[in-house]
C-alpha atoms as a PDB file:
ATOM      1  CA  MET A   1      30.098 -27.973  55.008  1.00  0.00           C
ATOM      2  CA  ALA A   2      31.061 -26.418  51.677  1.00  0.00           C
ATOM      3  CA  HIS A   3      29.601 -23.077  50.676  1.00  0.00           C
ATOM      4  CA  TYR A   4      28.736 -22.641  47.010  1.00  0.00           C
ATOM      5  CA  LEU A   5      28.539 -19.715  44.620  1.00  0.00           C
ATOM      6  CA  ASP A   6      26.126 -19.164  41.751  1.00  0.00           C
ATOM      7  CA  PRO A   7      27.493 -20.326  38.342  1.00  0.00           C
ATOM      8  CA  LYS A   8      25.439 -17.631  36.591  1.00  0.00           C
ATOM      9  CA  ASN A   9      27.655 -14.948  38.086  1.00  0.00           C
ATOM     10  CA  ASP A  10      30.102 -13.383  35.633  1.00  0.00           C
ATOM     11  CA  LEU A  11      33.122 -14.488  37.669  1.00  0.00           C
ATOM     12  CA  THR A  12      32.072 -18.114  38.171  1.00  0.00           C
ATOM     13  CA  PHE A  13      30.679 -18.627  34.667  1.00  0.00           C
ATOM     14  CA  LYS A  14      33.990 -17.556  33.171  1.00  0.00           C
ATOM     15  CA  ARG A  15      35.887 -19.660  35.705  1.00  0.00           C
ATOM     16  CA  VAL A  16      34.130 -22.830  34.536  1.00  0.00           C
ATOM     17  CA  PHE A  17      33.667 -22.290  30.818  1.00  0.00           C
ATOM     18  CA  GLY A  18      36.349 -19.716  30.040  1.00  0.00           C
ATOM     19  CA  GLU A  19      39.249 -21.539  31.726  1.00  0.00           C
ATOM     20  CA  HIS A  20      38.455 -25.225  31.161  1.00  0.00           C
ATOM     21  CA  LYS A  21      38.193 -26.191  27.507  1.00  0.00           C
ATOM     22  CA  HIS A  22      36.762 -29.666  28.091  1.00  0.00           C
ATOM     23  CA  LEU A  23      33.893 -28.227  30.142  1.00  0.00           C
ATOM     24  CA  CYS A  24      33.175 -25.565  27.535  1.00  0.00           C
ATOM     25  CA  MET A  25      33.157 -28.199  24.773  1.00  0.00           C
ATOM     26  CA  SER A  26      30.773 -30.371  26.771  1.00  0.00           C
ATOM     27  CA  LEU A  27      28.400 -27.438  27.248  1.00  0.00           C
ATOM     28  CA  ILE A  28      28.509 -26.487  23.552  1.00  0.00           C
ATOM     29  CA  ASN A  29      27.976 -30.055  22.346  1.00  0.00           C
ATOM     30  CA  SER A  30      25.058 -30.579  24.698  1.00  0.00           C
ATOM     31  CA  MET A  31      23.271 -27.340  23.810  1.00  0.00           C
ATOM     32  CA  LEU A  32      23.854 -26.781  20.102  1.00  0.00           C
ATOM     33  CA  PRO A  33      22.394 -28.822  17.217  1.00  0.00           C
ATOM     34  CA  LEU A  34      25.743 -29.544  15.571  1.00  0.00           C
ATOM     35  CA  GLU A  35      26.124 -31.992  12.700  1.00  0.00           C
ATOM     36  CA  LYS A  36      29.622 -32.742  13.986  1.00  0.00           C
ATOM     37  CA  PRO A  37      30.481 -32.419  17.700  1.00  0.00           C
ATOM     38  CA  VAL A  38      33.305 -30.153  18.832  1.00  0.00           C
ATOM     39  CA  ALA A  39      36.474 -32.134  19.562  1.00  0.00           C
ATOM     40  CA  SER A  40      38.858 -29.326  20.500  1.00  0.00           C
ATOM     41  CA  ILE A  41      38.742 -25.553  20.934  1.00  0.00           C
ATOM     42  CA  GLU A  42      40.979 -22.550  21.267  1.00  0.00           C
ATOM     43  CA  TYR A  43      39.826 -19.512  23.212  1.00  0.00           C
ATOM     44  CA  GLN A  44      39.692 -16.168  21.401  1.00  0.00           C
ATOM     45  CA  THR A  45      40.533 -13.014  23.330  1.00  0.00           C
ATOM     46  CA  GLY A  46      39.522  -9.420  22.813  1.00  0.00           C
ATOM     47  CA  GLU A  47      36.109  -7.835  22.537  1.00  0.00           C
ATOM     48  CA  LEU A  48      34.171  -7.910  19.303  1.00  0.00           C
ATOM     49  CA  ILE A  49      32.579  -4.524  19.984  1.00  0.00           C
ATOM     50  CA  PRO A  50      33.426  -1.935  22.637  1.00  0.00           C
ATOM     51  CA  GLU A  51      31.532  -1.974  25.910  1.00  0.00           C
ATOM     52  CA  LEU A  52      28.923   0.796  25.879  1.00  0.00           C
ATOM     53  CA  ALA A  53      28.692   3.066  28.908  1.00  0.00           C
ATOM     54  CA  ASN A  54      25.434   2.575  30.839  1.00  0.00           C
ATOM     55  CA  VAL A  55      24.036   0.289  28.148  1.00  0.00           C
ATOM     56  CA  LEU A  56      24.090  -3.451  28.751  1.00  0.00           C
ATOM     57  CA  ARG A  57      27.287  -3.202  30.745  1.00  0.00           C
ATOM     58  CA  HIS A  58      26.984  -6.839  31.769  1.00  0.00           C
ATOM     59  CA  THR A  59      26.612  -8.422  28.342  1.00  0.00           C
ATOM     60  CA  VAL A  60      30.276  -8.451  27.379  1.00  0.00           C
ATOM     61  CA  VAL A  61      31.016 -11.753  25.641  1.00  0.00           C
ATOM     62  CA  ASP A  62      31.867 -14.318  28.323  1.00  0.00           C
ATOM     63  CA  VAL A  63      33.472 -17.011  26.162  1.00  0.00           C
ATOM     64  CA  ARG A  64      34.499 -16.984  22.518  1.00  0.00           C
ATOM     65  CA  CYS A  65      36.301 -19.934  20.976  1.00  0.00           C
ATOM     66  CA  THR A  66      37.093 -21.655  17.688  1.00  0.00           C
ATOM     67  CA  ASP A  67      37.133 -25.403  17.086  1.00  0.00           C
ATOM     68  CA  GLU A  68      39.379 -27.570  14.899  1.00  0.00           C
ATOM     69  CA  ASP A  69      37.072 -27.010  11.899  1.00  0.00           C
ATOM     70  CA  GLY A  70      37.218 -23.233  12.178  1.00  0.00           C
ATOM     71  CA  ARG A  71      33.698 -22.911  13.579  1.00  0.00           C
ATOM     72  CA  GLN A  72      33.314 -20.066  16.070  1.00  0.00           C
ATOM     73  CA  PHE A  73      31.254 -20.254  19.255  1.00  0.00           C
ATOM     74  CA  ILE A  74      30.120 -17.321  21.366  1.00  0.00           C
ATOM     75  CA  VAL A  75      28.801 -18.371  24.774  1.00  0.00           C
ATOM     76  CA  GLU A  76      27.150 -15.809  27.037  1.00  0.00           C
ATOM     77  CA  MET A  77      25.240 -15.593  30.300  1.00  0.00           C
ATOM     78  CA  GLN A  78      22.716 -12.757  30.505  1.00  0.00           C
ATOM     79  CA  MET A  79      20.866 -12.075  33.740  1.00  0.00           C
ATOM     80  CA  TYR A  80      17.887 -10.226  32.273  1.00  0.00           C
ATOM     81  CA  TRP A  81      16.303  -9.851  28.859  1.00  0.00           C
ATOM     82  CA  THR A  82      16.133  -6.726  26.730  1.00  0.00           C
ATOM     83  CA  ASP A  83      15.643  -6.274  23.001  1.00  0.00           C
ATOM     84  CA  SER A  84      19.010  -4.524  23.013  1.00  0.00           C
ATOM     85  CA  PHE A  85      20.655  -7.729  24.224  1.00  0.00           C
ATOM     86  CA  ARG A  86      19.186  -9.657  21.284  1.00  0.00           C
ATOM     87  CA  SER A  87      20.551  -7.010  18.927  1.00  0.00           C
ATOM     88  CA  ARG A  88      23.954  -7.206  20.594  1.00  0.00           C
ATOM     89  CA  VAL A  89      24.056 -10.998  20.181  1.00  0.00           C
ATOM     90  CA  LEU A  90      23.281 -10.555  16.480  1.00  0.00           C
ATOM     91  CA  LEU A  91      25.962  -7.888  16.143  1.00  0.00           C
ATOM     92  CA  ASN A  92      28.605  -9.943  17.959  1.00  0.00           C
ATOM     93  CA  ALA A  93      27.962 -13.030  15.846  1.00  0.00           C
ATOM     94  CA  SER A  94      27.884 -11.030  12.614  1.00  0.00           C
ATOM     95  CA  LYS A  95      31.118  -9.263  13.414  1.00  0.00           C
ATOM     96  CA  ALA A  96      32.807 -12.550  14.304  1.00  0.00           C
ATOM     97  CA  TYR A  97      31.697 -13.925  10.935  1.00  0.00           C
ATOM     98  CA  VAL A  98      32.906 -10.885   8.970  1.00  0.00           C
ATOM     99  CA  ARG A  99      36.255 -10.735  10.770  1.00  0.00           C
ATOM    100  CA  GLN A 100      37.215 -14.042   9.219  1.00  0.00           C
ATOM    101  CA  LEU A 101      37.811 -12.232   5.937  1.00  0.00           C
ATOM    102  CA  ASP A 102      41.000 -10.813   7.425  1.00  0.00           C
ATOM    103  CA  LYS A 103      42.470 -14.326   7.456  1.00  0.00           C
ATOM    104  CA  ALA A 104      40.408 -16.277   4.932  1.00  0.00           C
ATOM    105  CA  GLY A 105      40.510 -13.730   2.126  1.00  0.00           C
ATOM    106  CA  LYS A 106      37.728 -15.525   0.251  1.00  0.00           C
ATOM    107  CA  PHE A 107      34.027 -15.709   1.043  1.00  0.00           C
ATOM    108  CA  GLU A 108      33.856 -19.441   0.392  1.00  0.00           C
ATOM    109  CA  LEU A 109      36.398 -20.045   3.159  1.00  0.00           C
ATOM    110  CA  LEU A 110      34.250 -18.450   5.878  1.00  0.00           C
ATOM    111  CA  HIS A 111      33.192 -20.768   8.716  1.00  0.00           C
ATOM    112  CA  PRO A 112      29.906 -20.763  10.665  1.00  0.00           C
ATOM    113  CA  VAL A 113      29.415 -18.786  13.862  1.00  0.00           C
ATOM    114  CA  TYR A 114      27.156 -20.106  16.619  1.00  0.00           C
ATOM    115  CA  ALA A 115      25.868 -17.872  19.409  1.00  0.00           C
ATOM    116  CA  LEU A 116      24.753 -19.680  22.564  1.00  0.00           C
ATOM    117  CA  SER A 117      23.056 -17.377  25.076  1.00  0.00           C
ATOM    118  CA  PHE A 118      21.752 -18.377  28.481  1.00  0.00           C
ATOM    119  CA  VAL A 119      19.195 -15.901  29.808  1.00  0.00           C
ATOM    120  CA  ASN A 120      18.141 -15.870  33.456  1.00  0.00           C
ATOM    121  CA  ASP A 121      14.860 -14.310  32.429  1.00  0.00           C
ATOM    122  CA  THR A 122      11.839 -15.100  30.244  1.00  0.00           C
ATOM    123  CA  PHE A 123      11.264 -13.336  26.937  1.00  0.00           C
ATOM    124  CA  GLU A 124       8.811 -15.640  25.128  1.00  0.00           C
ATOM    125  CA  LYS A 125       5.671 -14.965  27.159  1.00  0.00           C
ATOM    126  CA  THR A 126       2.878 -16.226  24.898  1.00  0.00           C
ATOM    127  CA  PRO A 127       0.808 -19.160  26.258  1.00  0.00           C
ATOM    128  CA  GLU A 128       1.974 -21.530  23.518  1.00  0.00           C
ATOM    129  CA  MET A 129       5.602 -20.859  24.502  1.00  0.00           C
ATOM    130  CA  ALA A 130       5.055 -21.212  28.245  1.00  0.00           C
ATOM    131  CA  ASN A 131       7.055 -24.445  28.459  1.00  0.00           C
ATOM    132  CA  GLU A 132       9.537 -23.800  25.647  1.00  0.00           C
ATOM    133  CA  TYR A 133      12.912 -22.808  27.068  1.00  0.00           C
ATOM    134  CA  TRP A 134      15.248 -23.730  24.161  1.00  0.00           C
ATOM    135  CA  HIS A 135      15.023 -21.494  21.071  1.00  0.00           C
ATOM    136  CA  HIS A 136      16.995 -22.156  17.893  1.00  0.00           C
ATOM    137  CA  TYR A 137      17.218 -19.494  15.172  1.00  0.00           C
ATOM    138  CA  LYS A 138      18.833 -19.758  11.755  1.00  0.00           C
ATOM    139  CA  ILE A 139      18.444 -18.201   8.301  1.00  0.00           C
ATOM    140  CA  VAL A 140      15.962 -20.278   6.316  1.00  0.00           C
ATOM    141  CA  ASN A 141      13.643 -19.978   3.335  1.00  0.00           C
ATOM    142  CA  ILE A 142      10.206 -19.058   4.667  1.00  0.00           C
ATOM    143  CA  LYS A 143       8.339 -21.422   2.321  1.00  0.00           C
ATOM    144  CA  ASP A 144      10.873 -24.233   2.494  1.00  0.00           C
ATOM    145  CA  THR A 145      12.593 -24.214   5.884  1.00  0.00           C
ATOM    146  CA  GLY A 146      14.836 -27.051   4.759  1.00  0.00           C
ATOM    147  CA  LYS A 147      16.717 -24.544   2.631  1.00  0.00           C
ATOM    148  CA  GLN A 148      19.180 -22.647   4.774  1.00  0.00           C
ATOM    149  CA  ILE A 149      21.746 -19.896   4.291  1.00  0.00           C
ATOM    150  CA  ARG A 150      24.570 -21.199   6.450  1.00  0.00           C
ATOM    151  CA  GLY A 151      26.839 -18.974   8.450  1.00  0.00           C
ATOM    152  CA  LEU A 152      24.960 -17.766  11.527  1.00  0.00           C
ATOM    153  CA  GLU A 153      22.918 -19.695  14.070  1.00  0.00           C
ATOM    154  CA  PHE A 154      21.590 -18.642  17.439  1.00  0.00           C
ATOM    155  CA  VAL A 155      20.364 -20.568  20.457  1.00  0.00           C
ATOM    156  CA  PHE A 156      18.738 -18.793  23.400  1.00  0.00           C
ATOM    157  CA  VAL A 157      17.996 -20.717  26.598  1.00  0.00           C
ATOM    158  CA  GLU A 158      15.455 -19.293  29.048  1.00  0.00           C
ATOM    159  CA  LEU A 159      16.749 -20.701  32.329  1.00  0.00           C
ATOM    160  CA  PRO A 160      13.678 -19.937  34.506  1.00  0.00           C
ATOM    161  CA  LYS A 161      11.536 -22.122  32.232  1.00  0.00           C
ATOM    162  CA  PHE A 162      13.760 -25.172  32.558  1.00  0.00           C
ATOM    163  CA  HIS A 163      12.361 -27.882  34.823  1.00  0.00           C
ATOM    164  CA  PRO A 164      13.786 -31.406  34.555  1.00  0.00           C
ATOM    165  CA  GLN A 165      11.102 -33.914  33.648  1.00  0.00           C
ATOM    166  CA  ASN A 166      13.023 -36.705  35.338  1.00  0.00           C
ATOM    167  CA  ARG A 167      15.576 -35.956  38.047  1.00  0.00           C
ATOM    168  CA  ALA A 168      17.355 -39.208  37.273  1.00  0.00           C
ATOM    169  CA  GLU A 169      17.915 -38.052  33.678  1.00  0.00           C
ATOM    170  CA  LYS A 170      21.569 -38.415  32.684  1.00  0.00           C
ATOM    171  CA  LYS A 171      21.521 -36.378  29.464  1.00  0.00           C
ATOM    172  CA  LEU A 172      24.257 -33.742  29.512  1.00  0.00           C
ATOM    173  CA  ARG A 173      21.904 -30.953  28.432  1.00  0.00           C
ATOM    174  CA  ASP A 174      19.684 -31.540  31.449  1.00  0.00           C
ATOM    175  CA  LEU A 175      22.661 -31.915  33.775  1.00  0.00           C
ATOM    176  CA  TRP A 176      24.305 -28.686  32.641  1.00  0.00           C
ATOM    177  CA  LEU A 177      21.015 -26.802  32.923  1.00  0.00           C
ATOM    178  CA  ARG A 178      20.504 -28.188  36.405  1.00  0.00           C
ATOM    179  CA  PHE A 179      24.029 -27.060  37.271  1.00  0.00           C
ATOM    180  CA  LEU A 180      23.196 -23.529  36.100  1.00  0.00           C
ATOM    181  CA  THR A 181      19.774 -23.338  37.764  1.00  0.00           C
ATOM    182  CA  GLU A 182      20.089 -25.348  40.982  1.00  0.00           C
ATOM    183  CA  ILE A 183      23.499 -24.370  42.346  1.00  0.00           C
ATOM    184  CA  ASN A 184      23.661 -21.085  44.292  1.00  0.00           C
ATOM    185  CA  GLU A 185      24.575 -19.568  47.655  1.00  0.00           C
ATOM    186  CA  SER A 186      21.694 -21.345  49.405  1.00  0.00           C
ATOM    187  CA  THR A 187      22.715 -24.817  48.179  1.00  0.00           C
ATOM    188  CA  GLU A 188      23.484 -27.129  51.082  1.00  0.00           C
ATOM    189  CA  GLU A 189      23.669 -30.477  49.315  1.00  0.00           C
ATOM    190  CA  ILE A 190      24.523 -31.207  45.682  1.00  0.00           C
ATOM    191  CA  PRO A 191      22.113 -33.648  43.986  1.00  0.00           C
ATOM    192  CA  CYS A 192      23.755 -37.028  43.446  1.00  0.00           C
ATOM    193  CA  GLU A 193      22.795 -36.997  39.741  1.00  0.00           C
ATOM    194  CA  LEU A 194      25.158 -34.039  39.237  1.00  0.00           C
ATOM    195  CA  LEU A 195      27.980 -35.527  41.257  1.00  0.00           C
ATOM    196  CA  ASP A 196      27.728 -38.832  39.388  1.00  0.00           C
ATOM    197  CA  ASN A 197      28.794 -37.125  36.165  1.00  0.00           C
ATOM    198  CA  LYS A 198      32.538 -36.485  36.103  1.00  0.00           C
ATOM    199  CA  LEU A 199      32.321 -33.202  34.160  1.00  0.00           C
ATOM    200  CA  ILE A 200      29.472 -31.732  36.188  1.00  0.00           C
ATOM    201  CA  CYS A 201      31.115 -32.821  39.421  1.00  0.00           C
ATOM    202  CA  GLU A 202      34.291 -30.979  38.406  1.00  0.00           C
ATOM    203  CA  ALA A 203      32.283 -27.835  37.577  1.00  0.00           C
ATOM    204  CA  VAL A 204      30.537 -28.026  40.956  1.00  0.00           C
ATOM    205  CA  GLY A 205      33.971 -28.049  42.606  1.00  0.00           C
ATOM    206  CA  TYR A 206      34.716 -24.681  41.017  1.00  0.00           C
ATOM    207  CA  MET A 207      31.590 -23.287  42.721  1.00  0.00           C
ATOM    208  CA  GLU A 208      32.977 -23.777  46.225  1.00  0.00           C
ATOM    209  CA  SER A 209      33.623 -20.356  47.713  1.00  0.00           C
ATOM    210  CA  ALA A 210      36.830 -21.636  49.315  1.00  0.00           C
ATOM    211  CA  ALA A 211      38.348 -21.833  45.822  1.00  0.00           C
ATOM    212  CA  TYR A 212      38.270 -18.012  45.512  1.00  0.00           C
ATOM    213  CA  THR A 213      40.380 -15.267  47.029  1.00  0.00           C
ATOM    214  CA  LYS A 214      38.900 -12.451  49.103  1.00  0.00           C
ATOM    215  CA  GLU A 215      39.423 -10.104  46.161  1.00  0.00           C
ATOM    216  CA  GLN A 216      37.569 -12.455  43.830  1.00  0.00           C
ATOM    217  CA  LEU A 217      34.691 -12.838  46.280  1.00  0.00           C
ATOM    218  CA  PHE A 218      34.494  -9.048  46.507  1.00  0.00           C
ATOM    219  CA  THR A 219      34.241  -8.910  42.704  1.00  0.00           C
ATOM    220  CA  TYR A 220      31.570 -11.629  42.821  1.00  0.00           C
ATOM    221  CA  ASP A 221      29.463  -9.648  45.322  1.00  0.00           C
ATOM    222  CA  LYS A 222      29.973  -6.355  43.496  1.00  0.00           C
ATOM    223  CA  TRP A 223      28.741  -7.937  40.255  1.00  0.00           C
ATOM    224  CA  LYS A 224      25.571  -9.094  42.054  1.00  0.00           C
ATOM    225  CA  ILE A 225      24.943  -5.600  43.381  1.00  0.00           C
ATOM    226  CA  ASP A 226      25.525  -4.068  39.948  1.00  0.00           C
ATOM    227  CA  ILE A 227      23.048  -6.511  38.401  1.00  0.00           C
ATOM    228  CA  MET A 228      20.412  -5.725  41.032  1.00  0.00           C
ATOM    229  CA  THR A 229      20.903  -2.005  40.442  1.00  0.00           C
ATOM    230  CA  GLU A 230      20.603  -2.341  36.677  1.00  0.00           C
ATOM    231  CA  LYS A 231      17.517  -4.563  36.915  1.00  0.00           C
ATOM    232  CA  SER A 232      15.898  -2.075  39.261  1.00  0.00           C
ATOM    233  CA  ALA A 233      16.685   0.811  36.915  1.00  0.00           C
ATOM    234  CA  LEU A 234      15.330  -1.158  33.954  1.00  0.00           C
ATOM    235  CA  SER A 235      12.175  -2.027  35.870  1.00  0.00           C
ATOM    236  CA  ASP A 236      11.650   1.601  36.843  1.00  0.00           C
ATOM    237  CA  ALA A 237      12.167   2.709  33.243  1.00  0.00           C
ATOM    238  CA  ARG A 238       9.653   0.156  31.986  1.00  0.00           C
ATOM    239  CA  GLY A 239       7.192   1.272  34.650  1.00  0.00           C
ATOM    240  CA  GLU A 240       7.498   4.896  33.596  1.00  0.00           C
ATOM    241  CA  GLY A 241       7.130   3.880  29.976  1.00  0.00           C
ATOM    242  CA  LEU A 242       3.955   1.949  30.793  1.00  0.00           C
ATOM    243  CA  LYS A 243       2.512   4.912  32.673  1.00  0.00           C
ATOM    244  CA  GLU A 244       3.248   7.218  29.754  1.00  0.00           C
ATOM    245  CA  GLY A 245       1.725   4.695  27.374  1.00  0.00           C
ATOM    246  CA  LEU A 246      -1.470   4.541  29.415  1.00  0.00           C
ATOM    247  CA  LYS A 247      -1.630   8.326  29.579  1.00  0.00           C
ATOM    248  CA  GLU A 248      -1.166   8.552  25.828  1.00  0.00           C
ATOM    249  CA  GLY A 249      -3.859   5.931  25.272  1.00  0.00           C
ATOM    250  CA  LYS A 250      -6.299   7.842  27.446  1.00  0.00           C
ATOM    251  CA  ARG A 251      -5.526  11.096  25.598  1.00  0.00           C
ATOM    252  CA  GLU A 252      -6.166   9.424  22.252  1.00  0.00           C
ATOM    253  CA  GLU A 253      -9.410   7.919  23.539  1.00  0.00           C
ATOM    254  CA  LYS A 254     -10.601  11.291  24.821  1.00  0.00           C
ATOM    255  CA  THR A 255      -9.677  12.932  21.523  1.00  0.00           C
ATOM    256  CA  GLU A 256     -11.701  10.375  19.571  1.00  0.00           C
ATOM    257  CA  ILE A 257     -14.705  10.893  21.853  1.00  0.00           C
ATOM    258  CA  ALA A 258     -14.413  14.667  21.484  1.00  0.00           C
ATOM    259  CA  LEU A 259     -14.349  14.388  17.678  1.00  0.00           C
ATOM    260  CA  ASN A 260     -17.484  12.277  17.686  1.00  0.00           C
ATOM    261  CA  MET A 261     -19.219  14.753  19.980  1.00  0.00           C
ATOM    262  CA  LEU A 262     -18.230  17.657  17.724  1.00  0.00           C
ATOM    263  CA  ARG A 263     -19.693  15.841  14.730  1.00  0.00           C
ATOM    264  CA  LYS A 264     -22.935  15.532  16.656  1.00  0.00           C
ATOM    265  CA  GLY A 265     -23.007  19.288  17.259  1.00  0.00           C
ATOM    266  CA  ILE A 266     -22.317  19.229  20.980  1.00  0.00           C
ATOM    267  CA  SER A 267     -20.866  22.502  22.267  1.00  0.00           C
ATOM    268  CA  VAL A 268     -17.189  22.927  23.042  1.00  0.00           C
ATOM    269  CA  ASP A 269     -17.999  23.843  26.641  1.00  0.00           C
ATOM    270  CA  ASP A 270     -19.974  20.641  27.175  1.00  0.00           C
ATOM    271  CA  ILE A 271     -17.305  18.494  25.515  1.00  0.00           C
ATOM    272  CA  SER A 272     -14.605  20.069  27.681  1.00  0.00           C
ATOM    273  CA  GLU A 273     -16.596  19.364  30.817  1.00  0.00           C
ATOM    274  CA  MET A 274     -17.270  15.747  29.853  1.00  0.00           C
ATOM    275  CA  THR A 275     -13.800  14.779  28.558  1.00  0.00           C
ATOM    276  CA  GLY A 276     -11.493  16.973  30.641  1.00  0.00           C
ATOM    277  CA  LEU A 277      -9.869  18.340  27.484  1.00  0.00           C
ATOM    278  CA  SER A 278      -9.298  22.087  27.349  1.00  0.00           C
ATOM    279  CA  LYS A 279     -11.302  24.274  24.994  1.00  0.00           C
ATOM    280  CA  GLU A 280      -8.094  25.044  23.092  1.00  0.00           C
ATOM    281  CA  GLN A 281      -7.400  21.317  22.557  1.00  0.00           C
ATOM    282  CA  ILE A 282     -10.944  20.718  21.333  1.00  0.00           C
ATOM    283  CA  GLU A 283     -10.920  23.711  18.973  1.00  0.00           C
ATOM    284  CA  LYS A 284      -7.753  22.356  17.321  1.00  0.00           C
ATOM    285  CA  LEU A 285      -9.426  19.045  16.409  1.00  0.00           C
END
């Protein structure tokens, strides 16, 4: 029986989409709302911005490529959501757009940049967005959204929200999302719908652990541990921030109550006893 790895891992994601152009093109065409599908690509190397120590260490661009029309595509897998990640996606795409001036020389020759980000986390938590996993952003006129400033477009996919409506669905978008969400170390049998598609079946083959060296598997496991550590640290930081926020809210509430009591002529001693604020704090109000 074959043993499978998780395609969301940094190592495996890059193995599939950073080494096999036809698979990367299929993913891009299935996920992005392009007027003209991508027919060929060339991978771009080098980082757009330096990796920051202890800040989003696992959001380095996974795949960056350019198609035959000069359009640039930045494809990333992010394991958890932070506002900093959204800012980094914006910065990466903007820098890729601006860098074209080095070759183009004229603004009118600049080509669009598309950022496609898969997030193994949820960031749109409002009730009306509970079932919306695909989010498309572009620069439009607020009153007339049909008017667009072309150049930058962003698509974020919340993987935990994706649930296929029909498991027999053959659309590539659904198949690729099922590949990313259903294949992992606990997978024992690959769904036939995935194996029936030539491209997805090939990608599944790259998830077999036997296709990796011991050194690569060590890197795979180390990346998982690093992610768990970072998520834990982020969770702890958020927890501390929440506690501080609650404390601050209680202090503000007590201060407001103390002010009202002072206006009513209640003594400082009585206010201190009732609110827990010190006499010095109350006298400063």
